[in-house]
Protein backbone atom coordinates (compact mmCIF):
# COMPACT_ATOMS: atom_id res chain seq x y z
CA MET A 1 2.74 0.48 -15.40
CA PRO A 2 3.81 -3.20 -15.44
CA ALA A 3 7.49 -2.20 -15.22
CA PHE A 4 6.76 0.09 -12.29
CA LEU A 5 4.77 -2.64 -10.55
CA SER A 6 7.59 -5.11 -11.16
CA ILE A 7 10.11 -2.73 -9.57
CA ILE A 8 7.89 -2.18 -6.53
CA LEU A 9 7.31 -5.93 -6.10
CA ASP A 10 11.07 -6.54 -6.29
CA GLU A 11 11.75 -3.83 -3.74
CA TYR A 12 8.90 -4.32 -1.25
CA GLY A 13 7.57 -7.78 -2.02
CA PHE A 14 3.96 -8.77 -1.71
CA ILE A 15 3.45 -6.58 1.36
CA PHE A 16 2.85 -3.77 -1.15
CA MET A 17 0.05 -5.78 -2.76
CA LYS A 18 -1.50 -6.41 0.65
CA LEU A 19 -1.48 -2.68 1.42
CA PHE A 20 -2.80 -1.94 -2.08
CA ILE A 21 -5.76 -4.28 -1.47
CA TYR A 22 -6.35 -2.67 1.93
CA LEU A 23 -6.47 0.71 0.18
CA PHE A 24 -9.13 -0.58 -2.22
CA CYS A 25 -11.10 -1.90 0.77
CA LEU A 26 -10.86 1.51 2.42
CA ILE A 27 -12.34 3.11 -0.70
CA LEU A 28 -15.27 0.67 -0.66
CA ILE A 29 -15.82 1.10 3.09
CA THR A 30 -15.75 4.89 2.77
CA GLY A 31 -18.55 4.82 0.21
CA PHE A 32 -20.50 2.34 2.33
CA VAL A 33 -20.21 4.57 5.44
CA PHE A 34 -21.27 7.65 3.49
CA TYR A 35 -24.29 5.69 2.23
CA PHE A 36 -25.68 5.55 5.78
CA PHE A 37 -24.56 8.96 7.07
CA ASN A 38 -24.89 11.22 4.02
CA PRO A 39 -26.72 9.46 1.17
CA GLU A 40 -26.61 12.50 -1.14
CA ILE A 41 -22.90 11.88 -1.69
CA THR A 42 -23.30 8.23 -2.63
CA LEU A 43 -26.56 8.18 -4.58
CA LEU A 44 -27.14 9.06 -8.22
CA ASN A 45 -30.81 8.85 -9.25
CA ASP A 46 -31.44 6.50 -6.31
CA ARG A 47 -28.62 4.15 -7.33
CA TYR A 48 -25.65 3.60 -5.05
CA ARG A 49 -22.37 4.80 -6.56
CA GLY A 50 -20.05 4.92 -3.56
CA VAL A 51 -17.38 7.57 -3.98
CA PHE A 52 -17.29 7.07 -7.75
CA GLY A 53 -18.97 9.15 -10.42
CA ASN A 54 -21.57 6.60 -11.46
CA PRO A 55 -22.84 3.18 -10.36
CA ASN A 56 -21.31 1.33 -13.32
CA GLY A 57 -17.90 2.77 -12.43
CA LEU A 58 -18.22 1.22 -8.99
CA GLY A 59 -19.27 -2.06 -10.59
CA ILE A 60 -16.22 -2.12 -12.86
CA PHE A 61 -13.99 -1.19 -9.92
CA CYS A 62 -15.38 -4.08 -7.85
CA LEU A 63 -14.94 -6.52 -10.74
CA LEU A 64 -11.33 -5.52 -11.38
CA PHE A 65 -10.64 -5.47 -7.64
CA PHE A 66 -11.91 -9.05 -7.41
CA PHE A 67 -9.62 -10.09 -10.29
CA LEU A 68 -6.65 -8.42 -8.58
CA LEU A 69 -7.46 -10.17 -5.31
CA GLN A 70 -7.69 -13.56 -7.01
CA THR A 71 -4.40 -13.00 -8.85
CA VAL A 72 -2.61 -12.08 -5.63
CA LEU A 73 -4.11 -15.10 -3.86
CA ILE A 74 -2.92 -17.41 -6.65
CA LYS A 75 0.61 -16.00 -6.53
CA LYS A 76 0.83 -15.79 -2.72
CA PRO A 77 -1.91 -17.87 -1.03
CA ASP A 78 -0.68 -17.28 2.53
CA LEU A 79 -0.69 -13.48 2.28
CA PHE A 80 -4.18 -13.11 3.78
CA SER A 81 -5.95 -15.12 6.44
CA LYS A 82 -9.24 -16.84 5.61
CA LYS A 83 -11.18 -14.24 7.63
CA GLU A 84 -9.57 -11.39 5.69
CA ILE A 85 -10.38 -13.05 2.36
CA ILE A 86 -14.01 -13.62 3.37
CA LEU A 87 -14.32 -10.02 4.59
CA VAL A 88 -12.86 -8.55 1.39
CA ILE A 89 -15.04 -10.71 -0.88
CA PHE A 90 -18.11 -9.86 1.24
CA LEU A 91 -17.28 -6.17 0.89
CA ILE A 92 -17.00 -6.49 -2.89
CA VAL A 93 -20.23 -8.47 -3.21
CA ILE A 94 -22.28 -6.18 -0.95
CA ASN A 95 -21.13 -3.14 -2.93
CA LEU A 96 -22.07 -4.86 -6.20
CA ILE A 97 -25.49 -5.82 -4.88
CA ILE A 98 -26.28 -2.34 -3.56
CA THR A 99 -25.09 -0.61 -6.72
CA GLY A 100 -27.34 -2.61 -9.03
CA SER A 101 -24.61 -2.56 -11.66
CA ARG A 102 -24.73 -5.07 -14.47
CA SER A 103 -21.13 -6.07 -13.77
C-alpha cells in the first residue's frame, strides 16, 4: 500500500489526499444522516455505529482518520482552509461522542 500511495501522490499530488479526506467525511456524514432518518441502520443495542458494523469500529475509524488528517496538515498546511479543518474535526469529534466508543 505505501508504494501505491507514493505513486498516486507523485502522479496527482496532494489533491488526491484532499479528495480522500472528503470521502472519509462523506462516510461519517452518511452515518450521521441515517441516524436521524432511519436509526435502525445506525444503532446497535442503542449505541451509534454509523455505517460500520459496530461502534468500536467507528471509533477506530475516527481515530485513524484524525491521524491521517493531522499528517496531511503537517505535510501540506495550506491544503485546507481553517473552516474546513474545523468542520472535519467537529465531524470526527461528534461521531466519537455519539458512538460512546472508548477510542
